[in-house]
Amino acid sequence: MQLKIDSDKFDEYQKALMRELIEQIRFKLAAGGVTGNNLHDLTLEVAFSVASTLDDTAKIEVEGTPVRPYITFREDEQLLHNDENSYMHEHVSSLIEKVFSNE
């Protein structure tokens, strides 16, 4: 597979991935009985934490070796990337508001 740099598509795809994660987090929290402002706030906190970890802002190590996630998206036989780490955490707040406004 070949790597292809396309910052615009990458941003579109990472937003779609983050929105799906937010929707799944909200669904599971609601199924667990979380409601109202607590549902909104906990969804935001969990989504931001997950996004930050995937964006390589957490210091993850295995036996002293850094583990550094690098997000790509498969498009046919190419891997689409941004030539840097993802930045999904920057989209969490606006996506949360979109998800919760569509209830």
N, C-alpha and C. Protein backbone atom coordinates (compact mmCIF):
# COMPACT_ATOMS: atom_id res chain seq x y z
N MET A 1 0.82 -1.17 0.00
CA MET A 1 0.00 0.00 0.00
C MET A 1 0.87 1.24 0.00
N GLN A 2 0.38 2.25 -0.67
CA GLN A 2 1.12 3.50 -0.74
C GLN A 2 0.49 4.53 0.19
N LEU A 3 1.35 5.39 0.72
CA LEU A 3 0.87 6.51 1.54
C LEU A 3 0.59 7.70 0.63
N LYS A 4 -0.53 8.35 0.87
CA LYS A 4 -0.91 9.52 0.08
C LYS A 4 -1.24 10.65 1.04
N ILE A 5 -0.65 11.81 0.83
CA ILE A 5 -0.93 12.97 1.66
C ILE A 5 -2.08 13.76 1.04
N ASP A 6 -3.13 13.97 1.83
CA ASP A 6 -4.25 14.81 1.41
C ASP A 6 -4.87 15.39 2.69
N SER A 7 -4.41 16.56 3.06
CA SER A 7 -4.81 17.16 4.33
C SER A 7 -6.30 17.44 4.41
N ASP A 8 -6.91 17.87 3.32
CA ASP A 8 -8.34 18.18 3.34
C ASP A 8 -9.19 16.93 3.57
N LYS A 9 -8.90 15.87 2.82
CA LYS A 9 -9.65 14.62 2.99
C LYS A 9 -9.37 14.02 4.36
N PHE A 10 -8.12 14.09 4.78
CA PHE A 10 -7.76 13.56 6.09
C PHE A 10 -8.59 14.24 7.18
N ASP A 11 -8.70 15.56 7.11
CA ASP A 11 -9.48 16.29 8.10
C ASP A 11 -10.95 15.87 8.05
N GLU A 12 -11.49 15.72 6.87
CA GLU A 12 -12.87 15.27 6.71
C GLU A 12 -13.06 13.89 7.32
N TYR A 13 -12.13 13.00 7.06
CA TYR A 13 -12.23 11.62 7.56
C TYR A 13 -12.05 11.55 9.07
N GLN A 14 -11.11 12.34 9.62
CA GLN A 14 -10.92 12.28 11.07
C GLN A 14 -12.12 12.87 11.80
N LYS A 15 -12.78 13.86 11.21
CA LYS A 15 -14.01 14.39 11.80
C LYS A 15 -15.10 13.33 11.79
N ALA A 16 -15.21 12.59 10.69
CA ALA A 16 -16.22 11.53 10.60
C ALA A 16 -15.95 10.44 11.64
N LEU A 17 -14.68 10.06 11.79
CA LEU A 17 -14.31 9.06 12.80
C LEU A 17 -14.63 9.57 14.21
N MET A 18 -14.28 10.80 14.49
CA MET A 18 -14.53 11.35 15.82
C MET A 18 -16.01 11.46 16.09
N ARG A 19 -16.78 11.86 15.10
CA ARG A 19 -18.23 11.95 15.30
C ARG A 19 -18.81 10.58 15.62
N GLU A 20 -18.37 9.55 14.92
CA GLU A 20 -18.84 8.20 15.20
C GLU A 20 -18.46 7.77 16.61
N LEU A 21 -17.25 8.06 17.03
CA LEU A 21 -16.84 7.72 18.40
C LEU A 21 -17.70 8.46 19.42
N ILE A 22 -17.98 9.73 19.18
CA ILE A 22 -18.83 10.51 20.08
C ILE A 22 -20.23 9.90 20.16
N GLU A 23 -20.79 9.54 19.02
CA GLU A 23 -22.13 8.95 19.02
C GLU A 23 -22.16 7.63 19.76
N GLN A 24 -21.11 6.82 19.62
CA GLN A 24 -21.05 5.53 20.33
C GLN A 24 -20.86 5.73 21.83
N ILE A 25 -20.03 6.68 22.20
CA ILE A 25 -19.84 6.98 23.63
C ILE A 25 -21.15 7.45 24.24
N ARG A 26 -21.82 8.38 23.57
CA ARG A 26 -23.11 8.89 24.08
C ARG A 26 -24.13 7.76 24.22
N PHE A 27 -24.21 6.90 23.21
CA PHE A 27 -25.16 5.78 23.24
C PHE A 27 -24.90 4.87 24.43
N LYS A 28 -23.65 4.51 24.65
CA LYS A 28 -23.32 3.60 25.76
C LYS A 28 -23.55 4.24 27.12
N LEU A 29 -23.22 5.52 27.24
CA LEU A 29 -23.48 6.21 28.51
C LEU A 29 -24.98 6.32 28.77
N ALA A 30 -25.75 6.66 27.74
CA ALA A 30 -27.20 6.75 27.90
C ALA A 30 -27.79 5.39 28.24
N ALA A 31 -27.30 4.33 27.63
CA ALA A 31 -27.77 2.98 27.93
C ALA A 31 -27.45 2.61 29.38
N GLY A 32 -26.40 3.22 29.93
CA GLY A 32 -26.03 2.98 31.32
C GLY A 32 -26.77 3.87 32.30
N GLY A 33 -27.69 4.69 31.79
CA GLY A 33 -28.52 5.50 32.66
C GLY A 33 -28.08 6.94 32.85
N VAL A 34 -27.05 7.37 32.16
CA VAL A 34 -26.59 8.75 32.28
C VAL A 34 -27.52 9.63 31.44
N THR A 35 -27.96 10.77 31.99
CA THR A 35 -28.91 11.64 31.30
C THR A 35 -28.52 13.10 31.44
N GLY A 36 -29.21 13.95 30.67
CA GLY A 36 -29.11 15.40 30.81
C GLY A 36 -27.72 15.95 30.64
N ASN A 37 -27.41 16.94 31.49
CA ASN A 37 -26.10 17.58 31.41
C ASN A 37 -24.97 16.61 31.71
N ASN A 38 -25.22 15.64 32.58
CA ASN A 38 -24.20 14.63 32.86
C ASN A 38 -23.85 13.84 31.62
N LEU A 39 -24.85 13.51 30.80
CA LEU A 39 -24.59 12.78 29.56
C LEU A 39 -23.72 13.62 28.63
N HIS A 40 -24.07 14.88 28.47
CA HIS A 40 -23.29 15.78 27.62
C HIS A 40 -21.85 15.89 28.14
N ASP A 41 -21.70 16.19 29.43
CA ASP A 41 -20.38 16.44 30.00
C ASP A 41 -19.49 15.19 29.99
N LEU A 42 -20.06 14.05 30.35
CA LEU A 42 -19.27 12.81 30.34
C LEU A 42 -18.90 12.39 28.92
N THR A 43 -19.80 12.57 27.98
CA THR A 43 -19.50 12.27 26.59
C THR A 43 -18.33 13.13 26.11
N LEU A 44 -18.37 14.41 26.45
CA LEU A 44 -17.29 15.32 26.09
C LEU A 44 -15.96 14.89 26.70
N GLU A 45 -15.97 14.58 27.97
CA GLU A 45 -14.73 14.20 28.66
C GLU A 45 -14.14 12.91 28.11
N VAL A 46 -14.98 11.90 27.91
CA VAL A 46 -14.48 10.62 27.39
C VAL A 46 -14.00 10.78 25.95
N ALA A 47 -14.77 11.48 25.13
CA ALA A 47 -14.39 11.67 23.72
C ALA A 47 -13.07 12.44 23.61
N PHE A 48 -12.91 13.48 24.43
CA PHE A 48 -11.67 14.25 24.39
C PHE A 48 -10.49 13.40 24.82
N SER A 49 -10.68 12.58 25.83
CA SER A 49 -9.62 11.70 26.32
C SER A 49 -9.22 10.68 25.25
N VAL A 50 -10.21 10.05 24.63
CA VAL A 50 -9.93 9.06 23.57
C VAL A 50 -9.22 9.73 22.40
N ALA A 51 -9.74 10.89 21.96
CA ALA A 51 -9.13 11.60 20.84
C ALA A 51 -7.70 12.00 21.15
N SER A 52 -7.46 12.50 22.34
CA SER A 52 -6.10 12.91 22.71
C SER A 52 -5.13 11.73 22.71
N THR A 53 -5.60 10.59 23.17
CA THR A 53 -4.76 9.39 23.15
C THR A 53 -4.44 8.98 21.72
N LEU A 54 -5.44 8.97 20.86
CA LEU A 54 -5.22 8.61 19.46
C LEU A 54 -4.35 9.64 18.73
N ASP A 55 -4.42 10.89 19.17
CA ASP A 55 -3.63 11.96 18.55
C ASP A 55 -2.18 11.97 19.04
N ASP A 56 -1.82 11.02 19.87
CA ASP A 56 -0.46 10.88 20.37
C ASP A 56 -0.08 11.98 21.34
N THR A 57 -1.04 12.45 22.14
CA THR A 57 -0.69 13.42 23.18
C THR A 57 -0.45 12.73 24.52
N ALA A 58 -0.85 11.47 24.64
CA ALA A 58 -0.59 10.70 25.86
C ALA A 58 0.80 10.08 25.75
N LYS A 59 1.42 9.92 26.86
CA LYS A 59 2.74 9.28 26.88
C LYS A 59 2.55 7.80 27.15
N ILE A 60 2.48 7.02 26.07
CA ILE A 60 2.27 5.58 26.19
C ILE A 60 3.60 4.89 25.95
N GLU A 61 3.91 3.93 26.83
CA GLU A 61 5.14 3.15 26.68
C GLU A 61 4.87 1.69 26.95
N VAL A 62 5.63 0.84 26.28
CA VAL A 62 5.64 -0.59 26.55
C VAL A 62 7.09 -0.97 26.81
N GLU A 63 7.35 -1.35 28.03
CA GLU A 63 8.70 -1.73 28.45
C GLU A 63 9.73 -0.69 28.04
N GLY A 64 9.40 0.58 28.26
CA GLY A 64 10.33 1.67 27.98
C GLY A 64 10.34 2.16 26.55
N THR A 65 9.62 1.49 25.66
CA THR A 65 9.57 1.91 24.26
C THR A 65 8.32 2.75 24.03
N PRO A 66 8.48 3.97 23.51
CA PRO A 66 7.31 4.81 23.25
C PRO A 66 6.38 4.17 22.21
N VAL A 67 5.10 4.23 22.48
CA VAL A 67 4.08 3.75 21.55
C VAL A 67 3.38 4.99 21.03
N ARG A 68 3.50 5.25 19.73
CA ARG A 68 3.00 6.50 19.16
C ARG A 68 2.01 6.21 18.04
N PRO A 69 0.70 6.36 18.33
CA PRO A 69 -0.31 6.13 17.30
C PRO A 69 -0.14 7.09 16.12
N TYR A 70 -0.47 6.60 14.94
CA TYR A 70 -0.42 7.42 13.73
C TYR A 70 -1.62 7.02 12.89
N ILE A 71 -2.60 7.90 12.79
CA ILE A 71 -3.86 7.59 12.12
C ILE A 71 -3.71 7.74 10.61
N THR A 72 -4.19 6.74 9.89
CA THR A 72 -4.33 6.80 8.44
C THR A 72 -5.72 6.28 8.10
N PHE A 73 -6.16 6.58 6.90
CA PHE A 73 -7.45 6.10 6.43
C PHE A 73 -7.24 5.39 5.11
N ARG A 74 -7.82 4.21 5.01
CA ARG A 74 -7.66 3.41 3.80
C ARG A 74 -8.63 3.89 2.73
N GLU A 75 -8.09 4.13 1.55
CA GLU A 75 -8.84 4.52 0.37
C GLU A 75 -8.36 3.62 -0.75
N ASP A 76 -9.17 2.62 -1.09
CA ASP A 76 -8.76 1.61 -2.07
C ASP A 76 -7.44 0.99 -1.64
N GLU A 77 -6.41 1.14 -2.42
CA GLU A 77 -5.12 0.54 -2.08
C GLU A 77 -4.12 1.60 -1.60
N GLN A 78 -4.63 2.72 -1.11
CA GLN A 78 -3.78 3.77 -0.58
C GLN A 78 -4.14 4.05 0.87
N LEU A 79 -3.15 4.50 1.61
CA LEU A 79 -3.38 4.96 2.98
C LEU A 79 -3.28 6.47 2.98
N LEU A 80 -4.37 7.10 3.31
CA LEU A 80 -4.45 8.56 3.32
C LEU A 80 -3.98 9.08 4.67
N HIS A 81 -3.09 10.06 4.64
CA HIS A 81 -2.63 10.63 5.90
C HIS A 81 -2.39 12.12 5.73
N ASN A 82 -1.95 12.74 6.82
CA ASN A 82 -1.80 14.18 6.88
C ASN A 82 -0.34 14.60 6.99
N ASP A 83 0.56 13.65 6.98
CA ASP A 83 1.99 13.88 7.12
C ASP A 83 2.36 14.38 8.52
N GLU A 84 1.43 14.24 9.46
CA GLU A 84 1.69 14.56 10.87
C GLU A 84 0.64 13.81 11.69
N ASN A 85 0.67 13.97 12.98
CA ASN A 85 -0.32 13.30 13.82
C ASN A 85 -1.71 13.86 13.56
N SER A 86 -2.69 13.04 13.87
CA SER A 86 -4.08 13.51 13.79
C SER A 86 -4.29 14.58 14.86
N TYR A 87 -5.40 15.30 14.74
CA TYR A 87 -5.73 16.34 15.71
C TYR A 87 -7.24 16.33 15.98
N MET A 88 -7.75 15.11 16.17
CA MET A 88 -9.18 14.94 16.41
C MET A 88 -9.65 15.68 17.66
N HIS A 89 -8.79 15.76 18.67
CA HIS A 89 -9.18 16.43 19.91
C HIS A 89 -9.61 17.87 19.67
N GLU A 90 -9.10 18.50 18.61
CA GLU A 90 -9.47 19.88 18.30
C GLU A 90 -10.91 20.00 17.80
N HIS A 91 -11.48 18.90 17.33
CA HIS A 91 -12.84 18.90 16.79
C HIS A 91 -13.90 18.44 17.78
N VAL A 92 -13.48 17.93 18.93
CA VAL A 92 -14.42 17.31 19.86
C VAL A 92 -15.53 18.26 20.29
N SER A 93 -15.19 19.45 20.72
CA SER A 93 -16.21 20.37 21.24
C SER A 93 -17.27 20.70 20.20
N SER A 94 -16.87 21.04 18.99
CA SER A 94 -17.86 21.39 17.97
C SER A 94 -18.68 20.18 17.55
N LEU A 95 -18.05 19.01 17.49
CA LEU A 95 -18.79 17.80 17.12
C LEU A 95 -19.78 17.39 18.20
N ILE A 96 -19.40 17.56 19.46
CA ILE A 96 -20.31 17.27 20.58
C ILE A 96 -21.58 18.09 20.43
N GLU A 97 -21.42 19.36 20.16
CA GLU A 97 -22.58 20.24 20.03
C GLU A 97 -23.46 19.81 18.85
N LYS A 98 -22.86 19.40 17.76
CA LYS A 98 -23.64 18.92 16.61
C LYS A 98 -24.39 17.63 16.95
N VAL A 99 -23.72 16.70 17.60
CA VAL A 99 -24.35 15.43 17.97
C VAL A 99 -25.50 15.67 18.93
N PHE A 100 -25.30 16.51 19.93
CA PHE A 100 -26.34 16.73 20.93
C PHE A 100 -27.46 17.62 20.41
N SER A 101 -27.21 18.41 19.40
CA SER A 101 -28.28 19.24 18.85
C SER A 101 -29.20 18.44 17.91
N ASN A 102 -28.75 17.25 17.51
CA ASN A 102 -29.55 16.38 16.63
C ASN A 102 -30.34 15.33 17.40
N GLU A 103 -30.49 15.48 18.71
CA GLU A 103 -31.19 14.48 19.52
C GLU A 103 -32.63 14.31 19.08
